[in-house]
């Protein structure tokens, strides 16, 4: 393997989904100036996310049903037999 390929400045960071408030602790090299007090009592850098797996429709399945019903109705209207 090549040496010095990956960054060496990994640190623990809290990622927070701003749409639903879900937060999780992970490691990252992303830069941020904000910090947050985590559940273990330590203070970690905070990275705000607009969307994560806890709020994305693909993972939650919330918007899929509405969209599917709309597609079925659109299909029936388009190909309905005219009397």
PDB file of N, CA and C in Angstrom:
ATOM      1  N   UNK A   1       0.825  -1.190   0.000  1.00  0.00           N
ATOM      2  CA  UNK A   1       0.000   0.000   0.000  1.00  0.00           C
ATOM      3  C   UNK A   1       0.870   1.255   0.000  1.00  0.00           C
ATOM      4  N   UNK A   2       0.320   2.311  -0.538  1.00  0.00           N
ATOM      5  CA  UNK A   2       1.034   3.583  -0.537  1.00  0.00           C
ATOM      6  C   UNK A   2       1.041   4.179   0.869  1.00  0.00           C
ATOM      7  N   UNK A   3       2.140   4.780   1.236  1.00  0.00           N
ATOM      8  CA  UNK A   3       2.243   5.439   2.532  1.00  0.00           C
ATOM      9  C   UNK A   3       1.681   6.853   2.429  1.00  0.00           C
ATOM     10  N   UNK A   4       1.168   7.333   3.537  1.00  0.00           N
ATOM     11  CA  UNK A   4       0.628   8.698   3.653  1.00  0.00           C
ATOM     12  C   UNK A   4      -0.502   8.971   2.659  1.00  0.00           C
ATOM     13  N   UNK A   5      -1.296   7.951   2.352  1.00  0.00           N
ATOM     14  CA  UNK A   5      -2.414   8.107   1.428  1.00  0.00           C
ATOM     15  C   UNK A   5      -3.636   8.698   2.142  1.00  0.00           C
ATOM     16  N   UNK A   6      -3.856   8.270   3.364  1.00  0.00           N
ATOM     17  CA  UNK A   6      -5.020   8.727   4.126  1.00  0.00           C
ATOM     18  C   UNK A   6      -4.616   9.828   5.107  1.00  0.00           C
ATOM     19  N   UNK A   7      -5.549  10.751   5.389  1.00  0.00           N
ATOM     20  CA  UNK A   7      -5.229  11.826   6.342  1.00  0.00           C
ATOM     21  C   UNK A   7      -5.000  11.265   7.743  1.00  0.00           C
ATOM     22  N   UNK A   8      -4.188  11.966   8.509  1.00  0.00           N
ATOM     23  CA  UNK A   8      -3.849  11.511   9.853  1.00  0.00           C
ATOM     24  C   UNK A   8      -4.584  12.297  10.940  1.00  0.00           C
ATOM     25  N   UNK A   9      -5.359  13.285  10.556  1.00  0.00           N
ATOM     26  CA  UNK A   9      -6.006  14.144  11.553  1.00  0.00           C
ATOM     27  C   UNK A   9      -7.470  13.753  11.836  1.00  0.00           C
ATOM     28  N   UNK A  10      -7.763  12.465  11.887  1.00  0.00           N
ATOM     29  CA  UNK A  10      -9.103  12.019  12.255  1.00  0.00           C
ATOM     30  C   UNK A  10      -9.352  12.332  13.721  1.00  0.00           C
ATOM     31  N   UNK A  11     -10.569  12.774  14.019  1.00  0.00           N
ATOM     32  CA  UNK A  11     -10.956  13.045  15.401  1.00  0.00           C
ATOM     33  C   UNK A  11     -12.441  12.734  15.542  1.00  0.00           C
ATOM     34  N   UNK A  12     -12.898  12.589  16.775  1.00  0.00           N
ATOM     35  CA  UNK A  12     -14.327  12.344  17.011  1.00  0.00           C
ATOM     36  C   UNK A  12     -15.107  13.619  16.762  1.00  0.00           C
ATOM     37  N   UNK A  13     -16.241  13.472  16.061  1.00  0.00           N
ATOM     38  CA  UNK A  13     -17.088  14.594  15.672  1.00  0.00           C
ATOM     39  C   UNK A  13     -18.537  14.163  15.843  1.00  0.00           C
ATOM     40  N   UNK A  14     -19.394  15.088  16.263  1.00  0.00           N
ATOM     41  CA  UNK A  14     -20.826  14.822  16.350  1.00  0.00           C
ATOM     42  C   UNK A  14     -21.484  15.358  15.084  1.00  0.00           C
ATOM     43  N   UNK A  15     -22.209  14.487  14.394  1.00  0.00           N
ATOM     44  CA  UNK A  15     -23.008  14.886  13.236  1.00  0.00           C
ATOM     45  C   UNK A  15     -24.450  15.022  13.701  1.00  0.00           C
ATOM     46  N   UNK A  16     -25.090  16.150  13.392  1.00  0.00           N
ATOM     47  CA  UNK A  16     -26.467  16.387  13.829  1.00  0.00           C
ATOM     48  C   UNK A  16     -27.348  16.691  12.624  1.00  0.00           C
ATOM     49  N   UNK A  17     -28.401  15.899  12.475  1.00  0.00           N
ATOM     50  CA  UNK A  17     -29.390  16.113  11.418  1.00  0.00           C
ATOM     51  C   UNK A  17     -30.310  17.247  11.872  1.00  0.00           C
ATOM     52  N   UNK A  18     -30.286  18.363  11.170  1.00  0.00           N
ATOM     53  CA  UNK A  18     -31.043  19.535  11.593  1.00  0.00           C
ATOM     54  C   UNK A  18     -32.534  19.419  11.300  1.00  0.00           C
ATOM     55  N   UNK A  19     -32.938  18.469  10.448  1.00  0.00           N
ATOM     56  CA  UNK A  19     -34.359  18.334  10.138  1.00  0.00           C
ATOM     57  C   UNK A  19     -35.130  17.576  11.214  1.00  0.00           C
ATOM     58  N   UNK A  20     -34.450  16.679  11.962  1.00  0.00           N
ATOM     59  CA  UNK A  20     -35.162  15.930  13.007  1.00  0.00           C
ATOM     60  C   UNK A  20     -34.423  15.900  14.343  1.00  0.00           C
ATOM     61  N   UNK A  21     -33.238  16.475  14.423  1.00  0.00           N
ATOM     62  CA  UNK A  21     -32.512  16.568  15.677  1.00  0.00           C
ATOM     63  C   UNK A  21     -31.687  15.348  16.039  1.00  0.00           C
ATOM     64  N   UNK A  22     -31.689  14.318  15.208  1.00  0.00           N
ATOM     65  CA  UNK A  22     -30.910  13.112  15.493  1.00  0.00           C
ATOM     66  C   UNK A  22     -29.420  13.432  15.391  1.00  0.00           C
ATOM     67  N   UNK A  23     -28.635  12.941  16.365  1.00  0.00           N
ATOM     68  CA  UNK A  23     -27.192  13.185  16.370  1.00  0.00           C
ATOM     69  C   UNK A  23     -26.467  11.867  16.598  1.00  0.00           C
ATOM     70  N   UNK A  24     -25.282  11.747  16.019  1.00  0.00           N
ATOM     71  CA  UNK A  24     -24.461  10.559  16.230  1.00  0.00           C
ATOM     72  C   UNK A  24     -22.993  10.953  16.239  1.00  0.00           C
ATOM     73  N   UNK A  25     -22.220  10.161  16.963  1.00  0.00           N
ATOM     74  CA  UNK A  25     -20.791  10.405  17.128  1.00  0.00           C
ATOM     75  C   UNK A  25     -20.025   9.506  16.169  1.00  0.00           C
ATOM     76  N   UNK A  26     -19.109  10.100  15.420  1.00  0.00           N
ATOM     77  CA  UNK A  26     -18.299   9.354  14.465  1.00  0.00           C
ATOM     78  C   UNK A  26     -16.933  10.028  14.377  1.00  0.00           C
ATOM     79  N   UNK A  27     -16.099   9.528  13.494  1.00  0.00           N
ATOM     80  CA  UNK A  27     -14.787  10.149  13.278  1.00  0.00           C
ATOM     81  C   UNK A  27     -14.768  10.811  11.913  1.00  0.00           C
ATOM     82  N   UNK A  28     -14.090  11.949  11.823  1.00  0.00           N
ATOM     83  CA  UNK A  28     -14.049  12.703  10.575  1.00  0.00           C
ATOM     84  C   UNK A  28     -12.843  13.634  10.566  1.00  0.00           C
ATOM     85  N   UNK A  29     -12.513  14.110   9.372  1.00  0.00           N
ATOM     86  CA  UNK A  29     -11.481  15.130   9.222  1.00  0.00           C
ATOM     87  C   UNK A  29     -12.098  16.478   8.857  1.00  0.00           C
ATOM     88  N   UNK A  30     -13.427  16.544   8.768  1.00  0.00           N
ATOM     89  CA  UNK A  30     -14.110  17.773   8.386  1.00  0.00           C
ATOM     90  C   UNK A  30     -13.854  18.873   9.417  1.00  0.00           C
ATOM     91  N   UNK A  31     -13.662  20.083   8.921  1.00  0.00           N
ATOM     92  CA  UNK A  31     -13.369  21.222   9.789  1.00  0.00           C
ATOM     93  C   UNK A  31     -14.659  21.926  10.193  1.00  0.00           C
ATOM     94  N   UNK A  32     -14.725  22.337  11.449  1.00  0.00           N
ATOM     95  CA  UNK A  32     -15.869  23.098  11.949  1.00  0.00           C
ATOM     96  C   UNK A  32     -15.445  23.922  13.149  1.00  0.00           C
ATOM     97  N   UNK A  33     -16.155  25.018  13.397  1.00  0.00           N
ATOM     98  CA  UNK A  33     -15.844  25.877  14.535  1.00  0.00           C
ATOM     99  C   UNK A  33     -16.811  25.661  15.696  1.00  0.00           C
ATOM    100  N   UNK A  34     -17.952  25.009  15.420  1.00  0.00           N
ATOM    101  CA  UNK A  34     -18.961  24.797  16.457  1.00  0.00           C
ATOM    102  C   UNK A  34     -18.652  23.542  17.266  1.00  0.00           C
ATOM    103  N   UNK A  35     -19.071  23.551  18.529  1.00  0.00           N
ATOM    104  CA  UNK A  35     -18.904  22.383  19.389  1.00  0.00           C
ATOM    105  C   UNK A  35     -20.228  22.085  20.084  1.00  0.00           C
ATOM    106  N   UNK A  36     -20.328  20.867  20.630  1.00  0.00           N
ATOM    107  CA  UNK A  36     -21.541  20.450  21.331  1.00  0.00           C
ATOM    108  C   UNK A  36     -21.146  19.515  22.468  1.00  0.00           C
ATOM    109  N   UNK A  37     -21.918  19.562  23.553  1.00  0.00           N
ATOM    110  CA  UNK A  37     -21.712  18.657  24.678  1.00  0.00           C
ATOM    111  C   UNK A  37     -22.405  17.343  24.344  1.00  0.00           C
ATOM    112  N   UNK A  38     -21.665  16.238  24.337  1.00  0.00           N
ATOM    113  CA  UNK A  38     -22.210  14.929  23.968  1.00  0.00           C
ATOM    114  C   UNK A  38     -22.700  14.194  25.210  1.00  0.00           C
ATOM    115  N   UNK A  39     -23.362  13.065  25.007  1.00  0.00           N
ATOM    116  CA  UNK A  39     -23.972  12.287  26.090  1.00  0.00           C
ATOM    117  C   UNK A  39     -22.959  11.809  27.127  1.00  0.00           C
ATOM    118  N   UNK A  40     -21.711  11.619  26.728  1.00  0.00           N
ATOM    119  CA  UNK A  40     -20.687  11.129  27.659  1.00  0.00           C
ATOM    120  C   UNK A  40     -20.055  12.255  28.485  1.00  0.00           C
ATOM    121  N   UNK A  41     -20.538  13.490  28.292  1.00  0.00           N
ATOM    122  CA  UNK A  41     -20.035  14.628  29.051  1.00  0.00           C
ATOM    123  C   UNK A  41     -18.897  15.372  28.390  1.00  0.00           C
ATOM    124  N   UNK A  42     -18.326  14.829  27.329  1.00  0.00           N
ATOM    125  CA  UNK A  42     -17.232  15.487  26.614  1.00  0.00           C
ATOM    126  C   UNK A  42     -17.768  16.449  25.567  1.00  0.00           C
ATOM    127  N   UNK A  43     -16.958  17.408  25.191  1.00  0.00           N
ATOM    128  CA  UNK A  43     -17.322  18.374  24.167  1.00  0.00           C
ATOM    129  C   UNK A  43     -16.629  17.992  22.864  1.00  0.00           C
ATOM    130  N   UNK A  44     -17.408  17.907  21.781  1.00  0.00           N
ATOM    131  CA  UNK A  44     -16.897  17.495  20.474  1.00  0.00           C
ATOM    132  C   UNK A  44     -17.252  18.536  19.427  1.00  0.00           C
ATOM    133  N   UNK A  45     -16.494  18.610  18.327  1.00  0.00           N
ATOM    134  CA  UNK A  45     -16.874  19.477  17.208  1.00  0.00           C
ATOM    135  C   UNK A  45     -18.221  19.030  16.640  1.00  0.00           C
ATOM    136  N   UNK A  46     -19.017  19.979  16.172  1.00  0.00           N
ATOM    137  CA  UNK A  46     -20.356  19.710  15.651  1.00  0.00           C
ATOM    138  C   UNK A  46     -20.401  19.988  14.153  1.00  0.00           C
ATOM    139  N   UNK A  47     -20.908  19.020  13.400  1.00  0.00           N
ATOM    140  CA  UNK A  47     -21.144  19.206  11.970  1.00  0.00           C
ATOM    141  C   UNK A  47     -22.637  19.049  11.735  1.00  0.00           C
ATOM    142  N   UNK A  48     -23.258  20.099  11.194  1.00  0.00           N
ATOM    143  CA  UNK A  48     -24.702  20.093  10.961  1.00  0.00           C
ATOM    144  C   UNK A  48     -24.995  19.515   9.575  1.00  0.00           C
ATOM    145  N   UNK A  49     -25.964  18.595   9.535  1.00  0.00           N
ATOM    146  CA  UNK A  49     -26.383  17.965   8.290  1.00  0.00           C
ATOM    147  C   UNK A  49     -27.797  18.404   7.952  1.00  0.00           C
ATOM    148  N   UNK A  50     -28.094  18.582   6.682  1.00  0.00           N
ATOM    149  CA  UNK A  50     -29.450  18.902   6.270  1.00  0.00           C
ATOM    150  C   UNK A  50     -30.308  17.649   6.235  1.00  0.00           C
ATOM    151  N   UNK A  51     -29.684  16.518   5.901  1.00  0.00           N
ATOM    152  CA  UNK A  51     -30.423  15.263   5.783  1.00  0.00           C
ATOM    153  C   UNK A  51     -29.482  14.104   6.112  1.00  0.00           C
ATOM    154  N   UNK A  52     -30.011  13.082   6.759  1.00  0.00           N
ATOM    155  CA  UNK A  52     -29.225  11.893   7.083  1.00  0.00           C
ATOM    156  C   UNK A  52     -30.102  10.664   6.859  1.00  0.00           C
ATOM    157  N   UNK A  53     -29.598   9.503   7.208  1.00  0.00           N
ATOM    158  CA  UNK A  53     -30.375   8.285   6.987  1.00  0.00           C
ATOM    159  C   UNK A  53     -31.629   8.238   7.854  1.00  0.00           C
ATOM    160  N   UNK A  54     -31.686   9.017   8.938  1.00  0.00           N
ATOM    161  CA  UNK A  54     -32.874   9.022   9.789  1.00  0.00           C
ATOM    162  C   UNK A  54     -33.979   9.929   9.261  1.00  0.00           C
ATOM    163  N   UNK A  55     -33.674  10.786   8.285  1.00  0.00           N
ATOM    164  CA  UNK A  55     -34.693  11.676   7.741  1.00  0.00           C
ATOM    165  C   UNK A  55     -34.859  11.549   6.228  1.00  0.00           C
ATOM    166  N   UNK A  56     -33.987  10.810   5.559  1.00  0.00           N
ATOM    167  CA  UNK A  56     -34.074  10.673   4.107  1.00  0.00           C
ATOM    168  C   UNK A  56     -35.233   9.752   3.735  1.00  0.00           C
ATOM    169  N   UNK A  57     -36.079  10.145   2.777  1.00  0.00           N
ATOM    170  CA  UNK A  57     -37.238   9.330   2.402  1.00  0.00           C
ATOM    171  C   UNK A  57     -36.884   7.919   1.931  1.00  0.00           C
ATOM    172  N   UNK A  58     -35.737   7.733   1.328  1.00  0.00           N
ATOM    173  CA  UNK A  58     -35.353   6.398   0.862  1.00  0.00           C
ATOM    174  C   UNK A  58     -35.191   5.439   2.038  1.00  0.00           C
ATOM    175  N   UNK A  59     -34.609   5.924   3.126  1.00  0.00           N
ATOM    176  CA  UNK A  59     -34.381   5.066   4.291  1.00  0.00           C
ATOM    177  C   UNK A  59     -35.594   4.973   5.198  1.00  0.00           C
ATOM    178  N   UNK A  60     -36.394   6.036   5.290  1.00  0.00           N
ATOM    179  CA  UNK A  60     -37.544   6.029   6.182  1.00  0.00           C
ATOM    180  C   UNK A  60     -38.779   5.437   5.515  1.00  0.00           C
ATOM    181  N   UNK A  61     -38.883   5.535   4.186  1.00  0.00           N
ATOM    182  CA  UNK A  61     -40.030   5.001   3.464  1.00  0.00           C
ATOM    183  C   UNK A  61     -41.289   5.840   3.593  1.00  0.00           C
ATOM    184  N   UNK A  62     -41.189   7.043   4.101  1.00  0.00           N
ATOM    185  CA  UNK A  62     -42.375   7.863   4.332  1.00  0.00           C
ATOM    186  C   UNK A  62     -42.967   8.429   3.044  1.00  0.00           C
ATOM    187  N   UNK A  63     -42.160   8.938   2.132  1.00  0.00           N
ATOM    188  CA  UNK A  63     -42.677   9.549   0.920  1.00  0.00           C
ATOM    189  C   UNK A  63     -42.928   8.548  -0.196  1.00  0.00           C
ATOM    190  N   UNK A  64     -42.434   7.343  -0.068  1.00  0.00           N
ATOM    191  CA  UNK A  64     -42.572   6.360  -1.133  1.00  0.00           C
ATOM    192  C   UNK A  64     -44.030   5.978  -1.345  1.00  0.00           C
ATOM    193  N   UNK A  65     -44.784   5.789  -0.267  1.00  0.00           N
ATOM    194  CA  UNK A  65     -46.175   5.380  -0.390  1.00  0.00           C
ATOM    195  C   UNK A  65     -47.020   6.456  -1.060  1.00  0.00           C
ATOM    196  N   UNK A  66     -46.813   7.697  -0.698  1.00  0.00           N
ATOM    197  CA  UNK A  66     -47.548   8.798  -1.310  1.00  0.00           C
ATOM    198  C   UNK A  66     -47.225   8.870  -2.798  1.00  0.00           C
ATOM    199  N   UNK A  67     -45.955   8.764  -3.135  1.00  0.00           N
ATOM    200  CA  UNK A  67     -45.531   8.834  -4.522  1.00  0.00           C
ATOM    201  C   UNK A  67     -46.077   7.641  -5.309  1.00  0.00           C
ATOM    202  N   UNK A  68     -46.067   6.449  -4.738  1.00  0.00           N
ATOM    203  CA  UNK A  68     -46.560   5.257  -5.430  1.00  0.00           C
ATOM    204  C   UNK A  68     -48.041   5.396  -5.730  1.00  0.00           C
ATOM    205  N   UNK A  69     -48.801   5.855  -4.750  1.00  0.00           N
ATOM    206  CA  UNK A  69     -50.241   6.032  -4.967  1.00  0.00           C
ATOM    207  C   UNK A  69     -50.486   7.052  -6.068  1.00  0.00           C
ATOM    208  N   UNK A  70     -49.716   8.106  -6.091  1.00  0.00           N
ATOM    209  CA  UNK A  70     -49.872   9.121  -7.131  1.00  0.00           C
ATOM    210  C   UNK A  70     -49.549   8.574  -8.506  1.00  0.00           C
ATOM    211  N   UNK A  71     -48.552   7.718  -8.610  1.00  0.00           N
ATOM    212  CA  UNK A  71     -48.188   7.129  -9.902  1.00  0.00           C
ATOM    213  C   UNK A  71     -49.256   6.159 -10.375  1.00  0.00           C
ATOM    214  N   UNK A  72     -49.824   5.408  -9.453  1.00  0.00           N
ATOM    215  CA  UNK A  72     -50.872   4.451  -9.840  1.00  0.00           C
ATOM    216  C   UNK A  72     -52.090   5.193 -10.353  1.00  0.00           C
ATOM    217  N   UNK A  73     -52.510   6.236  -9.649  1.00  0.00           N
ATOM    218  CA  UNK A  73     -53.658   7.030 -10.102  1.00  0.00           C
ATOM    219  C   UNK A  73     -53.386   7.680 -11.450  1.00  0.00           C
ATOM    220  N   UNK A  74     -52.188   8.177 -11.631  1.00  0.00           N
ATOM    221  CA  UNK A  74     -51.823   8.808 -12.906  1.00  0.00           C
ATOM    222  C   UNK A  74     -51.859   7.778 -14.038  1.00  0.00           C
ATOM    223  N   UNK A  75     -51.368   6.559 -13.769  1.00  0.00           N
ATOM    224  CA  UNK A  75     -51.385   5.496 -14.768  1.00  0.00           C
ATOM    225  C   UNK A  75     -52.821   5.117 -15.133  1.00  0.00           C
ATOM    226  N   UNK A  76     -53.661   4.957 -14.127  1.00  0.00           N
ATOM    227  CA  UNK A  76     -55.063   4.579 -14.383  1.00  0.00           C
ATOM    228  C   UNK A  76     -55.797   5.657 -15.171  1.00  0.00           C
ATOM    229  N   UNK A  77     -55.524   6.913 -14.846  1.00  0.00           N
ATOM    230  CA  UNK A  77     -56.184   8.012 -15.550  1.00  0.00           C
ATOM    231  C   UNK A  77     -55.709   8.051 -17.016  1.00  0.00           C
ATOM    232  N   UNK A  78     -54.425   7.825 -17.226  1.00  0.00           N
ATOM    233  CA  UNK A  78     -53.865   7.922 -18.572  1.00  0.00           C
ATOM    234  C   UNK A  78     -54.347   6.789 -19.461  1.00  0.00           C
ATOM    235  N   UNK A  79     -54.435   5.562 -18.917  1.00  0.00           N
ATOM    236  CA  UNK A  79     -54.767   4.408 -19.730  1.00  0.00           C
ATOM    237  C   UNK A  79     -56.174   3.861 -19.469  1.00  0.00           C
ATOM    238  N   UNK A  80     -57.025   4.647 -18.856  1.00  0.00           N
ATOM    239  CA  UNK A  80     -58.400   4.195 -18.605  1.00  0.00           C
ATOM    240  C   UNK A  80     -59.132   4.074 -19.956  1.00  0.00           C
ATOM    241  N   UNK A  81     -59.971   3.030 -20.020  1.00  0.00           N
ATOM    242  CA  UNK A  81     -60.749   2.839 -21.247  1.00  0.00           C
ATOM    243  C   UNK A  81     -61.823   3.912 -21.337  1.00  0.00           C
ATOM    244  N   UNK A  82     -61.931   4.505 -22.496  1.00  0.00           N
ATOM    245  CA  UNK A  82     -62.923   5.548 -22.693  1.00  0.00           C
ATOM    246  C   UNK A  82     -64.194   4.903 -23.180  1.00  0.00           C
ATOM    247  N   UNK A  83     -65.309   5.199 -22.491  1.00  0.00           N
ATOM    248  CA  UNK A  83     -66.583   4.571 -22.835  1.00  0.00           C
ATOM    249  C   UNK A  83     -67.363   5.416 -23.781  1.00  0.00           C
TER     250      UNK A  83
END
